[in-house]
Amino acid sequence: MKLIIAMIQPHKLPDVKRALFQAEVHKMTVSNVLGCGQQRGYTETYRGVIHEINLLKKVKLEIAVNEDFVKPTVDAIIKGAKTGKIGDGKIFIIELPECIRIRTGEKGSEAIG
């Protein structure tokens, strides 16, 4: 079992969801987050005062999958999020030692579904 965490541009979320659904991946957690990478932010001028904006809006996807769904999930995220420009995001894959479905008490790969 793996936990796939992806940081993507907010406007790419519909495309990523569409690609994930086509790959038969329907379970995910989505959060709005702030962060920066190579983009390093930007500056804005408001009423003559320069403001440095170095934390940008991002969307964080968390998807727990069984081993056979890792590659299709990663491929779908890349397909939906890639623009070829700086700031497309990152994907992290973490080993998931245990998963428990609260409703039924199922454990392991059966709990992920």
C-alpha atoms as a PDB file:
ATOM      1  CA  MET A   1       0.000   0.000   0.000  1.00  0.00           C
ATOM      2  CA  LYS A   2       1.198   3.495  -0.846  1.00  0.00           C
ATOM      3  CA  LEU A   3       0.125   7.013   0.021  1.00  0.00           C
ATOM      4  CA  ILE A   4       0.446   9.328  -2.979  1.00  0.00           C
ATOM      5  CA  ILE A   5       0.639  13.018  -2.148  1.00  0.00           C
ATOM      6  CA  ALA A   6       0.503  15.506  -5.010  1.00  0.00           C
ATOM      7  CA  MET A   7       0.841  19.282  -4.929  1.00  0.00           C
ATOM      8  CA  ILE A   8      -0.729  20.839  -8.021  1.00  0.00           C
ATOM      9  CA  GLN A   9      -1.941  24.181  -9.383  1.00  0.00           C
ATOM     10  CA  PRO A  10      -5.521  24.934  -8.232  1.00  0.00           C
ATOM     11  CA  HIS A  11      -6.814  25.525 -11.775  1.00  0.00           C
ATOM     12  CA  LYS A  12      -5.598  22.031 -12.816  1.00  0.00           C
ATOM     13  CA  LEU A  13      -7.741  20.179 -10.231  1.00  0.00           C
ATOM     14  CA  PRO A  14     -10.665  19.481 -12.631  1.00  0.00           C
ATOM     15  CA  ASP A  15      -8.249  18.045 -15.222  1.00  0.00           C
ATOM     16  CA  VAL A  16      -6.508  15.877 -12.621  1.00  0.00           C
ATOM     17  CA  LYS A  17      -9.824  14.597 -11.247  1.00  0.00           C
ATOM     18  CA  ARG A  18     -10.998  13.756 -14.764  1.00  0.00           C
ATOM     19  CA  ALA A  19      -7.769  11.838 -15.480  1.00  0.00           C
ATOM     20  CA  LEU A  20      -7.992   9.996 -12.145  1.00  0.00           C
ATOM     21  CA  PHE A  21     -11.609   8.969 -12.802  1.00  0.00           C
ATOM     22  CA  GLN A  22     -10.588   7.653 -16.240  1.00  0.00           C
ATOM     23  CA  ALA A  23      -7.885   5.597 -14.467  1.00  0.00           C
ATOM     24  CA  GLU A  24     -10.560   4.141 -12.128  1.00  0.00           C
ATOM     25  CA  VAL A  25      -9.225   6.068  -9.114  1.00  0.00           C
ATOM     26  CA  HIS A  26     -12.189   7.613  -7.296  1.00  0.00           C
ATOM     27  CA  LYS A  27     -11.073   7.961  -3.664  1.00  0.00           C
ATOM     28  CA  MET A  28      -9.025  11.009  -2.693  1.00  0.00           C
ATOM     29  CA  THR A  29      -8.673  13.781  -0.150  1.00  0.00           C
ATOM     30  CA  VAL A  30      -8.265  17.328  -1.473  1.00  0.00           C
ATOM     31  CA  SER A  31      -6.976  20.298   0.555  1.00  0.00           C
ATOM     32  CA  ASN A  32      -6.202  23.916  -0.256  1.00  0.00           C
ATOM     33  CA  VAL A  33      -2.674  24.710   0.923  1.00  0.00           C
ATOM     34  CA  LEU A  34      -0.019  27.404   0.603  1.00  0.00           C
ATOM     35  CA  GLY A  35       3.549  26.780  -0.492  1.00  0.00           C
ATOM     36  CA  CYS A  36       6.349  27.638  -2.843  1.00  0.00           C
ATOM     37  CA  GLY A  37       9.020  25.838  -4.773  1.00  0.00           C
ATOM     38  CA  GLN A  38      11.176  27.085  -7.613  1.00  0.00           C
ATOM     39  CA  GLN A  39       8.621  29.803  -8.347  1.00  0.00           C
ATOM     40  CA  ARG A  40       9.707  31.634  -5.188  1.00  0.00           C
ATOM     41  CA  GLY A  41       6.604  33.828  -5.278  1.00  0.00           C
ATOM     42  CA  TYR A  42       6.106  37.301  -6.724  1.00  0.00           C
ATOM     43  CA  THR A  43       5.668  40.940  -5.649  1.00  0.00           C
ATOM     44  CA  GLU A  44       2.550  43.096  -5.760  1.00  0.00           C
ATOM     45  CA  THR A  45       2.078  46.797  -5.239  1.00  0.00           C
ATOM     46  CA  TYR A  46      -0.983  47.816  -3.230  1.00  0.00           C
ATOM     47  CA  ARG A  47      -1.540  51.521  -2.508  1.00  0.00           C
ATOM     48  CA  GLY A  48       2.085  52.249  -3.211  1.00  0.00           C
ATOM     49  CA  VAL A  49       3.425  49.580  -0.846  1.00  0.00           C
ATOM     50  CA  ILE A  50       5.302  46.603  -2.276  1.00  0.00           C
ATOM     51  CA  HIS A  51       4.217  43.262  -0.832  1.00  0.00           C
ATOM     52  CA  GLU A  52       6.247  40.125  -1.359  1.00  0.00           C
ATOM     53  CA  ILE A  53       4.010  37.105  -1.888  1.00  0.00           C
ATOM     54  CA  ASN A  54       6.155  33.990  -1.428  1.00  0.00           C
ATOM     55  CA  LEU A  55       3.494  31.464  -0.440  1.00  0.00           C
ATOM     56  CA  LEU A  56       1.334  30.565  -3.420  1.00  0.00           C
ATOM     57  CA  LYS A  57      -2.018  28.786  -3.508  1.00  0.00           C
ATOM     58  CA  LYS A  58      -1.737  25.070  -4.240  1.00  0.00           C
ATOM     59  CA  VAL A  59      -4.004  22.039  -4.042  1.00  0.00           C
ATOM     60  CA  LYS A  60      -2.857  18.966  -2.122  1.00  0.00           C
ATOM     61  CA  LEU A  61      -4.205  15.565  -3.156  1.00  0.00           C
ATOM     62  CA  GLU A  62      -3.794  12.557  -0.874  1.00  0.00           C
ATOM     63  CA  ILE A  63      -4.628   9.182  -2.367  1.00  0.00           C
ATOM     64  CA  ALA A  64      -4.107   5.808  -0.679  1.00  0.00           C
ATOM     65  CA  VAL A  65      -3.773   2.994  -3.215  1.00  0.00           C
ATOM     66  CA  ASN A  66      -2.811  -0.649  -3.437  1.00  0.00           C
ATOM     67  CA  GLU A  67       0.427  -1.508  -5.261  1.00  0.00           C
ATOM     68  CA  ASP A  68      -1.232  -2.200  -8.630  1.00  0.00           C
ATOM     69  CA  PHE A  69      -2.784   1.305  -8.714  1.00  0.00           C
ATOM     70  CA  VAL A  70       0.401   3.307  -8.007  1.00  0.00           C
ATOM     71  CA  LYS A  71       1.540   3.727 -11.628  1.00  0.00           C
ATOM     72  CA  PRO A  72      -1.945   4.470 -13.084  1.00  0.00           C
ATOM     73  CA  THR A  73      -2.546   7.033 -10.328  1.00  0.00           C
ATOM     74  CA  VAL A  74       0.787   8.795 -10.845  1.00  0.00           C
ATOM     75  CA  ASP A  75       0.344   8.759 -14.629  1.00  0.00           C
ATOM     76  CA  ALA A  76      -3.155  10.261 -14.295  1.00  0.00           C
ATOM     77  CA  ILE A  77      -1.933  13.054 -12.007  1.00  0.00           C
ATOM     78  CA  ILE A  78       0.871  13.912 -14.428  1.00  0.00           C
ATOM     79  CA  LYS A  79      -1.528  13.809 -17.398  1.00  0.00           C
ATOM     80  CA  GLY A  80      -3.957  16.196 -15.715  1.00  0.00           C
ATOM     81  CA  ALA A  81      -1.504  18.586 -14.023  1.00  0.00           C
ATOM     82  CA  LYS A  82       1.316  18.973 -16.541  1.00  0.00           C
ATOM     83  CA  THR A  83       1.632  22.279 -18.390  1.00  0.00           C
ATOM     84  CA  GLY A  84       5.375  22.102 -18.968  1.00  0.00           C
ATOM     85  CA  LYS A  85       5.939  25.313 -17.019  1.00  0.00           C
ATOM     86  CA  ILE A  86       7.554  25.920 -13.653  1.00  0.00           C
ATOM     87  CA  GLY A  87       5.073  25.398 -10.805  1.00  0.00           C
ATOM     88  CA  ASP A  88       3.314  22.297 -12.161  1.00  0.00           C
ATOM     89  CA  GLY A  89       3.850  20.634  -8.785  1.00  0.00           C
ATOM     90  CA  LYS A  90       5.307  17.540  -7.180  1.00  0.00           C
ATOM     91  CA  ILE A  91       4.252  13.969  -6.428  1.00  0.00           C
ATOM     92  CA  PHE A  92       5.445  12.141  -3.307  1.00  0.00           C
ATOM     93  CA  ILE A  93       4.985   8.383  -2.839  1.00  0.00           C
ATOM     94  CA  ILE A  94       5.153   7.104   0.725  1.00  0.00           C
ATOM     95  CA  GLU A  95       4.956   3.557   2.048  1.00  0.00           C
ATOM     96  CA  LEU A  96       1.664   3.074   3.924  1.00  0.00           C
ATOM     97  CA  PRO A  97       2.169   0.484   6.668  1.00  0.00           C
ATOM     98  CA  GLU A  98      -1.482   0.168   7.748  1.00  0.00           C
ATOM     99  CA  CYS A  99      -4.990   1.230   6.789  1.00  0.00           C
ATOM    100  CA  ILE A 100      -8.161   0.554   8.779  1.00  0.00           C
ATOM    101  CA  ARG A 101     -11.721   1.177   7.595  1.00  0.00           C
ATOM    102  CA  ILE A 102     -13.557   2.518  10.622  1.00  0.00           C
ATOM    103  CA  ARG A 103     -17.039   1.345   9.578  1.00  0.00           C
ATOM    104  CA  THR A 104     -16.195  -2.354   9.123  1.00  0.00           C
ATOM    105  CA  GLY A 105     -12.855  -2.776  10.879  1.00  0.00           C
ATOM    106  CA  GLU A 106     -11.244  -4.100   7.667  1.00  0.00           C
ATOM    107  CA  LYS A 107      -7.472  -3.743   7.572  1.00  0.00           C
ATOM    108  CA  GLY A 108      -4.793  -3.523   4.908  1.00  0.00           C
ATOM    109  CA  SER A 109      -5.508  -3.560   1.192  1.00  0.00           C
ATOM    110  CA  GLU A 110      -9.166  -4.548   1.736  1.00  0.00           C
ATOM    111  CA  ALA A 111      -9.704  -1.305   3.682  1.00  0.00           C
ATOM    112  CA  ILE A 112      -8.374   0.825   0.829  1.00  0.00           C
ATOM    113  CA  GLY A 113     -10.716  -0.818  -1.667  1.00  0.00           C
END
